[in-house]
C-alpha atoms as a PDB file:
ATOM      1  CA  MET A   1      66.610  26.836  29.848  1.00  0.00           C
ATOM      2  CA  GLN A   2      66.651  23.402  28.256  1.00  0.00           C
ATOM      3  CA  THR A   3      63.881  22.558  25.814  1.00  0.00           C
ATOM      4  CA  ARG A   4      62.335  19.323  24.606  1.00  0.00           C
ATOM      5  CA  VAL A   5      60.777  18.391  21.303  1.00  0.00           C
ATOM      6  CA  ALA A   6      57.302  16.891  21.520  1.00  0.00           C
ATOM      7  CA  VAL A   7      54.102  16.285  19.609  1.00  0.00           C
ATOM      8  CA  ILE A   8      50.744  17.065  21.168  1.00  0.00           C
ATOM      9  CA  SER A   9      47.821  15.205  19.604  1.00  0.00           C
ATOM     10  CA  ILE A  10      44.424  16.785  20.117  1.00  0.00           C
ATOM     11  CA  ILE A  11      41.017  15.294  19.328  1.00  0.00           C
ATOM     12  CA  ILE A  12      38.119  17.713  19.409  1.00  0.00           C
ATOM     13  CA  GLU A  13      34.650  16.228  19.784  1.00  0.00           C
ATOM     14  CA  ASP A  14      32.935  19.497  20.747  1.00  0.00           C
ATOM     15  CA  GLY A  15      33.284  22.053  17.948  1.00  0.00           C
ATOM     16  CA  SER A  16      32.390  24.927  20.257  1.00  0.00           C
ATOM     17  CA  THR A  17      35.853  24.632  21.864  1.00  0.00           C
ATOM     18  CA  VAL A  18      37.777  25.442  18.662  1.00  0.00           C
ATOM     19  CA  GLU A  19      38.013  29.155  19.440  1.00  0.00           C
ATOM     20  CA  SER A  20      39.365  28.429  22.936  1.00  0.00           C
ATOM     21  CA  ILE A  21      41.918  25.987  21.548  1.00  0.00           C
ATOM     22  CA  ASN A  22      43.130  28.504  18.982  1.00  0.00           C
ATOM     23  CA  ALA A  23      43.512  31.145  21.709  1.00  0.00           C
ATOM     24  CA  ILE A  24      45.586  28.755  23.841  1.00  0.00           C
ATOM     25  CA  LEU A  25      47.761  27.777  20.870  1.00  0.00           C
ATOM     26  CA  HIS A  26      48.302  31.455  20.068  1.00  0.00           C
ATOM     27  CA  GLU A  27      49.436  32.002  23.663  1.00  0.00           C
ATOM     28  CA  PHE A  28      52.188  29.370  23.172  1.00  0.00           C
ATOM     29  CA  GLY A  29      52.919  30.311  19.547  1.00  0.00           C
ATOM     30  CA  GLU A  30      56.577  31.124  20.148  1.00  0.00           C
ATOM     31  CA  TYR A  31      57.249  27.442  20.924  1.00  0.00           C
ATOM     32  CA  ILE A  32      55.183  25.833  18.147  1.00  0.00           C
ATOM     33  CA  ILE A  33      57.222  24.431  15.256  1.00  0.00           C
ATOM     34  CA  GLY A  34      54.242  23.365  13.165  1.00  0.00           C
ATOM     35  CA  ARG A  35      50.595  22.496  13.271  1.00  0.00           C
ATOM     36  CA  MET A  36      48.374  20.228  11.208  1.00  0.00           C
ATOM     37  CA  GLY A  37      44.608  20.104  11.504  1.00  0.00           C
ATOM     38  CA  VAL A  38      42.344  17.503   9.931  1.00  0.00           C
ATOM     39  CA  PRO A  39      38.558  17.735  10.048  1.00  0.00           C
ATOM     40  CA  TYR A  40      37.105  14.218  10.072  1.00  0.00           C
ATOM     41  CA  ARG A  41      33.579  15.046   9.001  1.00  0.00           C
ATOM     42  CA  THR A  42      32.344  11.444   8.921  1.00  0.00           C
ATOM     43  CA  LYS A  43      32.886  11.111  12.680  1.00  0.00           C
ATOM     44  CA  LYS A  44      32.275  14.815  13.415  1.00  0.00           C
ATOM     45  CA  VAL A  45      35.655  15.297  15.112  1.00  0.00           C
ATOM     46  CA  ASN A  46      38.687  17.458  14.421  1.00  0.00           C
ATOM     47  CA  ILE A  47      42.225  16.182  14.850  1.00  0.00           C
ATOM     48  CA  ILE A  48      45.144  18.547  15.456  1.00  0.00           C
ATOM     49  CA  SER A  49      48.829  17.650  15.784  1.00  0.00           C
ATOM     50  CA  ILE A  50      51.200  20.233  17.246  1.00  0.00           C
ATOM     51  CA  ALA A  51      54.988  19.919  16.951  1.00  0.00           C
ATOM     52  CA  ILE A  52      56.609  21.928  19.749  1.00  0.00           C
ATOM     53  CA  ASP A  53      60.087  22.759  21.066  1.00  0.00           C
ATOM     54  CA  ALA A  54      59.754  24.212  24.564  1.00  0.00           C
ATOM     55  CA  PRO A  55      60.694  23.736  28.212  1.00  0.00           C
ATOM     56  CA  GLN A  56      58.871  20.702  29.588  1.00  0.00           C
ATOM     57  CA  ASP A  57      56.770  22.792  31.973  1.00  0.00           C
ATOM     58  CA  LYS A  58      55.463  24.875  29.036  1.00  0.00           C
ATOM     59  CA  ILE A  59      54.560  21.733  27.095  1.00  0.00           C
ATOM     60  CA  ASN A  60      52.766  20.305  30.126  1.00  0.00           C
ATOM     61  CA  THR A  61      50.919  23.575  30.703  1.00  0.00           C
ATOM     62  CA  LEU A  62      49.790  23.784  27.072  1.00  0.00           C
ATOM     63  CA  ALA A  63      48.591  20.164  26.966  1.00  0.00           C
ATOM     64  CA  GLY A  64      46.888  20.558  30.348  1.00  0.00           C
ATOM     65  CA  LYS A  65      44.989  23.708  29.366  1.00  0.00           C
ATOM     66  CA  ILE A  66      43.750  22.074  26.180  1.00  0.00           C
ATOM     67  CA  GLY A  67      42.970  18.739  27.843  1.00  0.00           C
ATOM     68  CA  ARG A  68      40.802  20.414  30.493  1.00  0.00           C
ATOM     69  CA  LEU A  69      38.400  21.747  27.866  1.00  0.00           C
ATOM     70  CA  SER A  70      35.132  19.845  27.681  1.00  0.00           C
ATOM     71  CA  GLY A  71      34.921  17.515  24.682  1.00  0.00           C
ATOM     72  CA  VAL A  72      38.681  17.658  24.025  1.00  0.00           C
ATOM     73  CA  THR A  73      41.399  15.042  24.551  1.00  0.00           C
ATOM     74  CA  ALA A  74      45.111  15.873  24.416  1.00  0.00           C
ATOM     75  CA  LYS A  75      48.091  13.516  24.678  1.00  0.00           C
ATOM     76  CA  THR A  76      51.796  14.346  24.490  1.00  0.00           C
ATOM     77  CA  VAL A  77      54.685  12.291  23.122  1.00  0.00           C
ATOM     78  CA  TYR A  78      58.247  13.440  23.851  1.00  0.00           C
ATOM     79  CA  SER A  79      61.350  12.845  21.770  1.00  0.00           C
ATOM     80  CA  ALA A  80      64.578  11.687  23.367  1.00  0.00           C
ATOM     81  CA  VAL A  81      66.267  14.889  22.081  1.00  0.00           C
END
């Protein structure tokens, strides 16, 4: 199956969702290349960037599951590779 490289940017405004997000990311761990999390305490948000190499349907599923959580926004950018 062909894979795509993408970055999923996640902004968490509701800290109670962090455990759910980590569980979802663990579920897709085999596809994750790297992860960077930045707590922005001044604005009381957390920012996570996920680099992923996976089939497009897996990337869409991951971003969709995270984006459906209350107080969380997720956007995906795909590479041309």
